[in-house]
Amino acid sequence: VIPACRRRFDKHKRIARWTLPVWLYVSITGVIV
């Protein structure tokens, strides 16, 4: 979120590629648990 707020979209995109799958896994497995 920090780079997105700072309009550093190149950095935001690099980190988001890792964050999105982890965040999705956590939210989906939360429902499964």
PDB file of all heavy atoms in Angstrom:
ATOM      1  N   VAL A   1       0.826  -1.210   0.000  1.00  0.00           N
ATOM      2  CA  VAL A   1       0.000   0.000   0.000  1.00  0.00           C
ATOM      3  C   VAL A   1       0.866   1.267   0.000  1.00  0.00           C
ATOM      4  O   VAL A   1       0.546   2.239  -0.703  1.00  0.00           O
ATOM      5  CB  VAL A   1      -0.970  -0.009   1.208  1.00  0.00           C
ATOM      6  CG1 VAL A   1      -1.645   1.337   1.387  1.00  0.00           C
ATOM      7  CG2 VAL A   1      -2.006  -1.118   1.043  1.00  0.00           C
ATOM      8  N   ILE A   2       1.938   1.274   0.744  1.00  0.00           N
ATOM      9  CA  ILE A   2       2.769   2.486   0.869  1.00  0.00           C
ATOM     10  C   ILE A   2       3.255   2.990  -0.495  1.00  0.00           C
ATOM     11  O   ILE A   2       3.068   4.176  -0.807  1.00  0.00           O
ATOM     12  CB  ILE A   2       3.923   2.275   1.873  1.00  0.00           C
ATOM     13  CG1 ILE A   2       3.354   2.186   3.296  1.00  0.00           C
ATOM     14  CG2 ILE A   2       4.957   3.399   1.764  1.00  0.00           C
ATOM     15  CD1 ILE A   2       4.369   1.780   4.345  1.00  0.00           C
ATOM     16  N   PRO A   3       3.850   2.135  -1.339  1.00  0.00           N
ATOM     17  CA  PRO A   3       4.279   2.664  -2.648  1.00  0.00           C
ATOM     18  C   PRO A   3       3.105   3.159  -3.502  1.00  0.00           C
ATOM     19  O   PRO A   3       3.248   4.128  -4.247  1.00  0.00           O
ATOM     20  CB  PRO A   3       4.974   1.479  -3.321  1.00  0.00           C
ATOM     21  CG  PRO A   3       5.254   0.506  -2.254  1.00  0.00           C
ATOM     22  CD  PRO A   3       4.294   0.764  -1.140  1.00  0.00           C
ATOM     23  N   ALA A   4       1.944   2.506  -3.393  1.00  0.00           N
ATOM     24  CA  ALA A   4       0.777   2.965  -4.154  1.00  0.00           C
ATOM     25  C   ALA A   4       0.366   4.362  -3.698  1.00  0.00           C
ATOM     26  O   ALA A   4       0.067   5.232  -4.527  1.00  0.00           O
ATOM     27  CB  ALA A   4      -0.374   1.983  -4.004  1.00  0.00           C
ATOM     28  N   CYS A   5       0.372   4.583  -2.389  1.00  0.00           N
ATOM     29  CA  CYS A   5       0.033   5.908  -1.853  1.00  0.00           C
ATOM     30  C   CYS A   5       1.041   6.967  -2.287  1.00  0.00           C
ATOM     31  O   CYS A   5       0.692   8.129  -2.454  1.00  0.00           O
ATOM     32  CB  CYS A   5      -0.055   5.867  -0.329  1.00  0.00           C
ATOM     33  SG  CYS A   5      -1.453   4.907   0.283  1.00  0.00           S
ATOM     34  N   ARG A   6       2.277   6.548  -2.460  1.00  0.00           N
ATOM     35  CA  ARG A   6       3.335   7.472  -2.890  1.00  0.00           C
ATOM     36  C   ARG A   6       3.428   7.564  -4.414  1.00  0.00           C
ATOM     37  O   ARG A   6       4.362   8.187  -4.932  1.00  0.00           O
ATOM     38  CB  ARG A   6       4.676   7.028  -2.303  1.00  0.00           C
ATOM     39  CG  ARG A   6       4.729   7.175  -0.807  1.00  0.00           C
ATOM     40  CD  ARG A   6       6.062   6.739  -0.256  1.00  0.00           C
ATOM     41  NE  ARG A   6       6.111   6.971   1.175  1.00  0.00           N
ATOM     42  CZ  ARG A   6       6.994   6.431   1.996  1.00  0.00           C
ATOM     43  NH1 ARG A   6       7.923   5.615   1.527  1.00  0.00           N
ATOM     44  NH2 ARG A   6       6.946   6.681   3.283  1.00  0.00           N
ATOM     45  N   ARG A   7       2.494   6.872  -5.084  1.00  0.00           N
ATOM     46  CA  ARG A   7       2.433   6.861  -6.548  1.00  0.00           C
ATOM     47  C   ARG A   7       3.691   6.240  -7.165  1.00  0.00           C
ATOM     48  O   ARG A   7       4.101   6.599  -8.263  1.00  0.00           O
ATOM     49  CB  ARG A   7       2.146   8.254  -7.094  1.00  0.00           C
ATOM     50  CG  ARG A   7       0.891   8.875  -6.470  1.00  0.00           C
ATOM     51  CD  ARG A   7       0.493  10.194  -7.029  1.00  0.00           C
ATOM     52  NE  ARG A   7      -0.105  10.155  -8.349  1.00  0.00           N
ATOM     53  CZ  ARG A   7      -1.319   9.684  -8.656  1.00  0.00           C
ATOM     54  NH1 ARG A   7      -2.065   9.157  -7.709  1.00  0.00           N
ATOM     55  NH2 ARG A   7      -1.774   9.728  -9.890  1.00  0.00           N
ATOM     56  N   ARG A   8       4.273   5.303  -6.444  1.00  0.00           N
ATOM     57  CA  ARG A   8       5.418   4.526  -6.949  1.00  0.00           C
ATOM     58  C   ARG A   8       4.870   3.195  -7.459  1.00  0.00           C
ATOM     59  O   ARG A   8       5.034   2.152  -6.847  1.00  0.00           O
ATOM     60  CB  ARG A   8       6.432   4.280  -5.831  1.00  0.00           C
ATOM     61  CG  ARG A   8       7.145   5.498  -5.311  1.00  0.00           C
ATOM     62  CD  ARG A   8       8.284   5.947  -6.234  1.00  0.00           C
ATOM     63  NE  ARG A   8       9.065   4.862  -6.814  1.00  0.00           N
ATOM     64  CZ  ARG A   8      10.074   4.236  -6.223  1.00  0.00           C
ATOM     65  NH1 ARG A   8      10.460   4.584  -5.014  1.00  0.00           N
ATOM     66  NH2 ARG A   8      10.713   3.265  -6.843  1.00  0.00           N
ATOM     67  N   PHE A   9       4.178   3.265  -8.589  1.00  0.00           N
ATOM     68  CA  PHE A   9       3.429   2.111  -9.074  1.00  0.00           C
ATOM     69  C   PHE A   9       4.329   0.980  -9.565  1.00  0.00           C
ATOM     70  O   PHE A   9       3.917  -0.174  -9.544  1.00  0.00           O
ATOM     71  CB  PHE A   9       2.425   2.543 -10.140  1.00  0.00           C
ATOM     72  CG  PHE A   9       1.413   3.519  -9.598  1.00  0.00           C
ATOM     73  CD1 PHE A   9       1.350   4.809 -10.079  1.00  0.00           C
ATOM     74  CD2 PHE A   9       0.553   3.141  -8.570  1.00  0.00           C
ATOM     75  CE1 PHE A   9       0.432   5.714  -9.564  1.00  0.00           C
ATOM     76  CE2 PHE A   9      -0.370   4.039  -8.052  1.00  0.00           C
ATOM     77  CZ  PHE A   9      -0.429   5.321  -8.542  1.00  0.00           C
ATOM     78  N   ASP A  10       5.548   1.296  -9.973  1.00  0.00           N
ATOM     79  CA  ASP A  10       6.480   0.236 -10.356  1.00  0.00           C
ATOM     80  C   ASP A  10       6.800  -0.650  -9.150  1.00  0.00           C
ATOM     81  O   ASP A  10       6.742  -1.876  -9.237  1.00  0.00           O
ATOM     82  CB  ASP A  10       7.760   0.832 -10.956  1.00  0.00           C
ATOM     83  CG  ASP A  10       8.434   1.847 -10.025  1.00  0.00           C
ATOM     84  OD1 ASP A  10       7.722   2.548  -9.263  1.00  0.00           O
ATOM     85  OD2 ASP A  10       9.683   1.933 -10.056  1.00  0.00           O
ATOM     86  N   LYS A  11       7.104  -0.017  -8.033  1.00  0.00           N
ATOM     87  CA  LYS A  11       7.399  -0.762  -6.796  1.00  0.00           C
ATOM     88  C   LYS A  11       6.139  -1.456  -6.271  1.00  0.00           C
ATOM     89  O   LYS A  11       6.186  -2.604  -5.838  1.00  0.00           O
ATOM     90  CB  LYS A  11       7.975   0.181  -5.744  1.00  0.00           C
ATOM     91  CG  LYS A  11       8.458  -0.531  -4.504  1.00  0.00           C
ATOM     92  CD  LYS A  11       9.167   0.410  -3.544  1.00  0.00           C
ATOM     93  CE  LYS A  11       9.684  -0.352  -2.353  1.00  0.00           C
ATOM     94  NZ  LYS A  11      10.375   0.508  -1.400  1.00  0.00           N
ATOM     95  N   HIS A  12       5.013  -0.746  -6.329  1.00  0.00           N
ATOM     96  CA  HIS A  12       3.730  -1.317  -5.896  1.00  0.00           C
ATOM     97  C   HIS A  12       3.445  -2.613  -6.660  1.00  0.00           C
ATOM     98  O   HIS A  12       3.089  -3.632  -6.062  1.00  0.00           O
ATOM     99  CB  HIS A  12       2.605  -0.301  -6.114  1.00  0.00           C
ATOM    100  CG  HIS A  12       1.235  -0.868  -5.968  1.00  0.00           C
ATOM    101  ND1 HIS A  12       0.666  -1.156  -4.745  1.00  0.00           N
ATOM    102  CD2 HIS A  12       0.312  -1.218  -6.903  1.00  0.00           C
ATOM    103  CE1 HIS A  12      -0.543  -1.659  -4.938  1.00  0.00           C
ATOM    104  NE2 HIS A  12      -0.777  -1.702  -6.237  1.00  0.00           N
ATOM    105  N   LYS A  13       3.621  -2.574  -7.959  1.00  0.00           N
ATOM    106  CA  LYS A  13       3.331  -3.740  -8.804  1.00  0.00           C
ATOM    107  C   LYS A  13       4.262  -4.911  -8.470  1.00  0.00           C
ATOM    108  O   LYS A  13       3.811  -6.060  -8.398  1.00  0.00           O
ATOM    109  CB  LYS A  13       3.467  -3.346 -10.276  1.00  0.00           C
ATOM    110  CG  LYS A  13       3.066  -4.436 -11.229  1.00  0.00           C
ATOM    111  CD  LYS A  13       3.142  -3.934 -12.666  1.00  0.00           C
ATOM    112  CE  LYS A  13       2.763  -5.025 -13.633  1.00  0.00           C
ATOM    113  NZ  LYS A  13       2.821  -4.564 -15.030  1.00  0.00           N
ATOM    114  N   ARG A  14       5.537  -4.628  -8.259  1.00  0.00           N
ATOM    115  CA  ARG A  14       6.500  -5.699  -7.922  1.00  0.00           C
ATOM    116  C   ARG A  14       6.109  -6.401  -6.621  1.00  0.00           C
ATOM    117  O   ARG A  14       6.163  -7.633  -6.533  1.00  0.00           O
ATOM    118  CB  ARG A  14       7.921  -5.128  -7.788  1.00  0.00           C
ATOM    119  CG  ARG A  14       8.644  -4.969  -9.090  1.00  0.00           C
ATOM    120  CD  ARG A  14      10.144  -4.788  -8.906  1.00  0.00           C
ATOM    121  NE  ARG A  14      10.537  -3.799  -7.915  1.00  0.00           N
ATOM    122  CZ  ARG A  14      10.692  -2.509  -8.145  1.00  0.00           C
ATOM    123  NH1 ARG A  14      10.467  -2.010  -9.343  1.00  0.00           N
ATOM    124  NH2 ARG A  14      11.080  -1.701  -7.182  1.00  0.00           N
ATOM    125  N   ILE A  15       5.723  -5.635  -5.619  1.00  0.00           N
ATOM    126  CA  ILE A  15       5.358  -6.225  -4.324  1.00  0.00           C
ATOM    127  C   ILE A  15       3.976  -6.885  -4.389  1.00  0.00           C
ATOM    128  O   ILE A  15       3.767  -7.958  -3.824  1.00  0.00           O
ATOM    129  CB  ILE A  15       5.411  -5.159  -3.211  1.00  0.00           C
ATOM    130  CG1 ILE A  15       6.826  -4.596  -3.098  1.00  0.00           C
ATOM    131  CG2 ILE A  15       4.953  -5.736  -1.881  1.00  0.00           C
ATOM    132  CD1 ILE A  15       6.931  -3.360  -2.230  1.00  0.00           C
ATOM    133  N   ALA A  16       3.053  -6.244  -5.113  1.00  0.00           N
ATOM    134  CA  ALA A  16       1.682  -6.766  -5.208  1.00  0.00           C
ATOM    135  C   ALA A  16       1.637  -8.150  -5.851  1.00  0.00           C
ATOM    136  O   ALA A  16       0.756  -8.953  -5.528  1.00  0.00           O
ATOM    137  CB  ALA A  16       0.804  -5.792  -5.982  1.00  0.00           C
ATOM    138  N   ARG A  17       2.576  -8.441  -6.715  1.00  0.00           N
ATOM    139  CA  ARG A  17       2.629  -9.777  -7.346  1.00  0.00           C
ATOM    140  C   ARG A  17       2.823 -10.890  -6.319  1.00  0.00           C
ATOM    141  O   ARG A  17       2.436 -12.026  -6.547  1.00  0.00           O
ATOM    142  CB  ARG A  17       3.741  -9.844  -8.384  1.00  0.00           C
ATOM    143  CG  ARG A  17       3.419  -9.063  -9.607  1.00  0.00           C
ATOM    144  CD  ARG A  17       4.510  -9.174 -10.630  1.00  0.00           C
ATOM    145  NE  ARG A  17       4.163  -8.306 -11.747  1.00  0.00           N
ATOM    146  CZ  ARG A  17       4.710  -8.379 -12.925  1.00  0.00           C
ATOM    147  NH1 ARG A  17       5.644  -9.277 -13.165  1.00  0.00           N
ATOM    148  NH2 ARG A  17       4.348  -7.556 -13.881  1.00  0.00           N
ATOM    149  N   TRP A  18       3.444 -10.555  -5.208  1.00  0.00           N
ATOM    150  CA  TRP A  18       3.633 -11.519  -4.123  1.00  0.00           C
ATOM    151  C   TRP A  18       2.512 -11.407  -3.086  1.00  0.00           C
ATOM    152  O   TRP A  18       2.066 -12.401  -2.525  1.00  0.00           O
ATOM    153  CB  TRP A  18       4.983 -11.276  -3.434  1.00  0.00           C
ATOM    154  CG  TRP A  18       6.131 -11.577  -4.345  1.00  0.00           C
ATOM    155  CD1 TRP A  18       6.825 -10.686  -5.114  1.00  0.00           C
ATOM    156  CD2 TRP A  18       6.688 -12.855  -4.603  1.00  0.00           C
ATOM    157  NE1 TRP A  18       7.790 -11.337  -5.830  1.00  0.00           N
ATOM    158  CE2 TRP A  18       7.734 -12.682  -5.533  1.00  0.00           C
ATOM    159  CE3 TRP A  18       6.420 -14.141  -4.137  1.00  0.00           C
ATOM    160  CZ2 TRP A  18       8.496 -13.733  -6.011  1.00  0.00           C
ATOM    161  CZ3 TRP A  18       7.204 -15.195  -4.609  1.00  0.00           C
ATOM    162  CH2 TRP A  18       8.225 -14.974  -5.530  1.00  0.00           C
ATOM    163  N   THR A  19       2.080 -10.191  -2.841  1.00  0.00           N
ATOM    164  CA  THR A  19       1.068  -9.960  -1.807  1.00  0.00           C
ATOM    165  C   THR A  19      -0.281 -10.538  -2.193  1.00  0.00           C
ATOM    166  O   THR A  19      -0.946 -11.169  -1.358  1.00  0.00           O
ATOM    167  CB  THR A  19       0.932  -8.445  -1.522  1.00  0.00           C
ATOM    168  OG1 THR A  19       2.204  -7.933  -1.157  1.00  0.00           O
ATOM    169  CG2 THR A  19      -0.069  -8.183  -0.409  1.00  0.00           C
ATOM    170  N   LEU A  20      -0.702 -10.339  -3.422  1.00  0.00           N
ATOM    171  CA  LEU A  20      -2.034 -10.803  -3.834  1.00  0.00           C
ATOM    172  C   LEU A  20      -2.239 -12.299  -3.612  1.00  0.00           C
ATOM    173  O   LEU A  20      -3.228 -12.687  -2.980  1.00  0.00           O
ATOM    174  CB  LEU A  20      -2.330 -10.423  -5.290  1.00  0.00           C
ATOM    175  CG  LEU A  20      -3.684 -10.930  -5.809  1.00  0.00           C
ATOM    176  CD1 LEU A  20      -4.838 -10.301  -5.037  1.00  0.00           C
ATOM    177  CD2 LEU A  20      -3.813 -10.669  -7.299  1.00  0.00           C
ATOM    178  N   PRO A  21      -1.343 -13.175  -4.082  1.00  0.00           N
ATOM    179  CA  PRO A  21      -1.600 -14.603  -3.846  1.00  0.00           C
ATOM    180  C   PRO A  21      -1.605 -14.989  -2.362  1.00  0.00           C
ATOM    181  O   PRO A  21      -2.392 -15.841  -1.936  1.00  0.00           O
ATOM    182  CB  PRO A  21      -0.477 -15.323  -4.598  1.00  0.00           C
ATOM    183  CG  PRO A  21       0.359 -14.299  -5.241  1.00  0.00           C
ATOM    184  CD  PRO A  21      -0.183 -12.942  -4.932  1.00  0.00           C
ATOM    185  N   VAL A  22      -0.751 -14.344  -1.584  1.00  0.00           N
ATOM    186  CA  VAL A  22      -0.731 -14.640  -0.145  1.00  0.00           C
ATOM    187  C   VAL A  22      -2.036 -14.175   0.501  1.00  0.00           C
ATOM    188  O   VAL A  22      -2.667 -14.916   1.264  1.00  0.00           O
ATOM    189  CB  VAL A  22       0.495 -13.991   0.546  1.00  0.00           C
ATOM    190  CG1 VAL A  22       0.402 -14.124   2.063  1.00  0.00           C
ATOM    191  CG2 VAL A  22       1.786 -14.611   0.025  1.00  0.00           C
ATOM    192  N   TRP A  23      -2.466 -12.962   0.175  1.00  0.00           N
ATOM    193  CA  TRP A  23      -3.694 -12.401   0.734  1.00  0.00           C
ATOM    194  C   TRP A  23      -4.899 -13.252   0.323  1.00  0.00           C
ATOM    195  O   TRP A  23      -5.774 -13.554   1.137  1.00  0.00           O
ATOM    196  CB  TRP A  23      -3.840 -10.964   0.255  1.00  0.00           C
ATOM    197  CG  TRP A  23      -4.777 -10.089   1.027  1.00  0.00           C
ATOM    198  CD1 TRP A  23      -5.622 -10.441   2.029  1.00  0.00           C
ATOM    199  CD2 TRP A  23      -4.965  -8.682   0.837  1.00  0.00           C
ATOM    200  NE1 TRP A  23      -6.329  -9.340   2.476  1.00  0.00           N
ATOM    201  CE2 TRP A  23      -5.932  -8.250   1.755  1.00  0.00           C
ATOM    202  CE3 TRP A  23      -4.402  -7.753  -0.026  1.00  0.00           C
ATOM    203  CZ2 TRP A  23      -6.350  -6.926   1.832  1.00  0.00           C
ATOM    204  CZ3 TRP A  23      -4.816  -6.438   0.050  1.00  0.00           C
ATOM    205  CH2 TRP A  23      -5.780  -6.028   0.983  1.00  0.00           C
ATOM    206  N   LEU A  24      -4.918 -13.676  -0.945  1.00  0.00           N
ATOM    207  CA  LEU A  24      -6.004 -14.556  -1.403  1.00  0.00           C
ATOM    208  C   LEU A  24      -5.993 -15.884  -0.648  1.00  0.00           C
ATOM    209  O   LEU A  24      -7.040 -16.363  -0.209  1.00  0.00           O
ATOM    210  CB  LEU A  24      -5.878 -14.821  -2.904  1.00  0.00           C
ATOM    211  CG  LEU A  24      -6.520 -13.810  -3.819  1.00  0.00           C
ATOM    212  CD1 LEU A  24      -6.134 -14.084  -5.275  1.00  0.00           C
ATOM    213  CD2 LEU A  24      -8.029 -13.805  -3.662  1.00  0.00           C
ATOM    214  N   TYR A  25      -4.812 -16.474  -0.507  1.00  0.00           N
ATOM    215  CA  TYR A  25      -4.717 -17.748   0.209  1.00  0.00           C
ATOM    216  C   TYR A  25      -5.233 -17.607   1.632  1.00  0.00           C
ATOM    217  O   TYR A  25      -6.005 -18.440   2.119  1.00  0.00           O
ATOM    218  CB  TYR A  25      -3.269 -18.261   0.215  1.00  0.00           C
ATOM    219  CG  TYR A  25      -3.139 -19.597   0.899  1.00  0.00           C
ATOM    220  CD1 TYR A  25      -3.364 -20.775   0.197  1.00  0.00           C
ATOM    221  CD2 TYR A  25      -2.816 -19.688   2.253  1.00  0.00           C
ATOM    222  CE1 TYR A  25      -3.268 -22.007   0.816  1.00  0.00           C
ATOM    223  CE2 TYR A  25      -2.721 -20.920   2.883  1.00  0.00           C
ATOM    224  CZ  TYR A  25      -2.950 -22.076   2.165  1.00  0.00           C
ATOM    225  OH  TYR A  25      -2.864 -23.289   2.791  1.00  0.00           O
ATOM    226  N   VAL A  26      -4.827 -16.547   2.300  1.00  0.00           N
ATOM    227  CA  VAL A  26      -5.239 -16.332   3.693  1.00  0.00           C
ATOM    228  C   VAL A  26      -6.752 -16.130   3.782  1.00  0.00           C
ATOM    229  O   VAL A  26      -7.415 -16.702   4.656  1.00  0.00           O
ATOM    230  CB  VAL A  26      -4.463 -15.147   4.323  1.00  0.00           C
ATOM    231  CG1 VAL A  26      -5.055 -14.738   5.662  1.00  0.00           C
ATOM    232  CG2 VAL A  26      -2.989 -15.516   4.484  1.00  0.00           C
ATOM    233  N   SER A  27      -7.315 -15.347   2.883  1.00  0.00           N
ATOM    234  CA  SER A  27      -8.758 -15.099   2.962  1.00  0.00           C
ATOM    235  C   SER A  27      -9.558 -16.349   2.599  1.00  0.00           C
ATOM    236  O   SER A  27     -10.569 -16.649   3.248  1.00  0.00           O
ATOM    237  CB  SER A  27      -9.164 -13.900   2.107  1.00  0.00           C
ATOM    238  OG  SER A  27      -8.873 -14.103   0.756  1.00  0.00           O
ATOM    239  N   ILE A  28      -9.124 -17.106   1.604  1.00  0.00           N
ATOM    240  CA  ILE A  28      -9.833 -18.336   1.218  1.00  0.00           C
ATOM    241  C   ILE A  28      -9.708 -19.399   2.305  1.00  0.00           C
ATOM    242  O   ILE A  28     -10.696 -20.023   2.697  1.00  0.00           O
ATOM    243  CB  ILE A  28      -9.311 -18.864  -0.136  1.00  0.00           C
ATOM    244  CG1 ILE A  28      -9.705 -17.910  -1.255  1.00  0.00           C
ATOM    245  CG2 ILE A  28      -9.820 -20.278  -0.405  1.00  0.00           C
ATOM    246  CD1 ILE A  28      -8.990 -18.162  -2.574  1.00  0.00           C
ATOM    247  N   THR A  29      -8.497 -19.602   2.816  1.00  0.00           N
ATOM    248  CA  THR A  29      -8.325 -20.628   3.849  1.00  0.00           C
ATOM    249  C   THR A  29      -8.990 -20.230   5.154  1.00  0.00           C
ATOM    250  O   THR A  29      -9.385 -21.094   5.939  1.00  0.00           O
ATOM    251  CB  THR A  29      -6.839 -20.975   4.086  1.00  0.00           C
ATOM    252  OG1 THR A  29      -6.117 -19.787   4.405  1.00  0.00           O
ATOM    253  CG2 THR A  29      -6.242 -21.663   2.871  1.00  0.00           C
ATOM    254  N   GLY A  30      -9.157 -18.929   5.392  1.00  0.00           N
ATOM    255  CA  GLY A  30      -9.920 -18.492   6.566  1.00  0.00           C
ATOM    256  C   GLY A  30     -11.344 -19.008   6.519  1.00  0.00           C
ATOM    257  O   GLY A  30     -11.889 -19.478   7.522  1.00  0.00           O
ATOM    258  N   VAL A  31     -11.947 -18.962   5.346  1.00  0.00           N
ATOM    259  CA  VAL A  31     -13.303 -19.493   5.171  1.00  0.00           C
ATOM    260  C   VAL A  31     -13.296 -21.010   5.341  1.00  0.00           C
ATOM    261  O   VAL A  31     -14.168 -21.583   6.010  1.00  0.00           O
ATOM    262  CB  VAL A  31     -13.882 -19.101   3.790  1.00  0.00           C
ATOM    263  CG1 VAL A  31     -15.245 -19.759   3.566  1.00  0.00           C
ATOM    264  CG2 VAL A  31     -13.980 -17.588   3.658  1.00  0.00           C
ATOM    265  N   ILE A  32     -12.308 -21.674   4.770  1.00  0.00           N
ATOM    266  CA  ILE A  32     -12.229 -23.138   4.861  1.00  0.00           C
ATOM    267  C   ILE A  32     -12.042 -23.588   6.306  1.00  0.00           C
ATOM    268  O   ILE A  32     -12.694 -24.534   6.763  1.00  0.00           O
ATOM    269  CB  ILE A  32     -11.110 -23.687   3.945  1.00  0.00           C
ATOM    270  CG1 ILE A  32     -11.487 -23.439   2.481  1.00  0.00           C
ATOM    271  CG2 ILE A  32     -10.860 -25.170   4.216  1.00  0.00           C
ATOM    272  CD1 ILE A  32     -10.361 -23.695   1.499  1.00  0.00           C
ATOM    273  N   VAL A  33     -11.175 -22.908   7.052  1.00  0.00           N
ATOM    274  CA  VAL A  33     -10.970 -23.244   8.468  1.00  0.00           C
ATOM    275  C   VAL A  33     -12.284 -23.094   9.231  1.00  0.00           C
ATOM    276  O   VAL A  33     -12.661 -23.960  10.028  1.00  0.00           O
ATOM    277  CB  VAL A  33      -9.849 -22.388   9.099  1.00  0.00           C
ATOM    278  CG1 VAL A  33      -9.858 -22.470  10.613  1.00  0.00           C
ATOM    279  CG2 VAL A  33      -8.492 -22.802   8.539  1.00  0.00           C
TER     280      VAL A  33
END
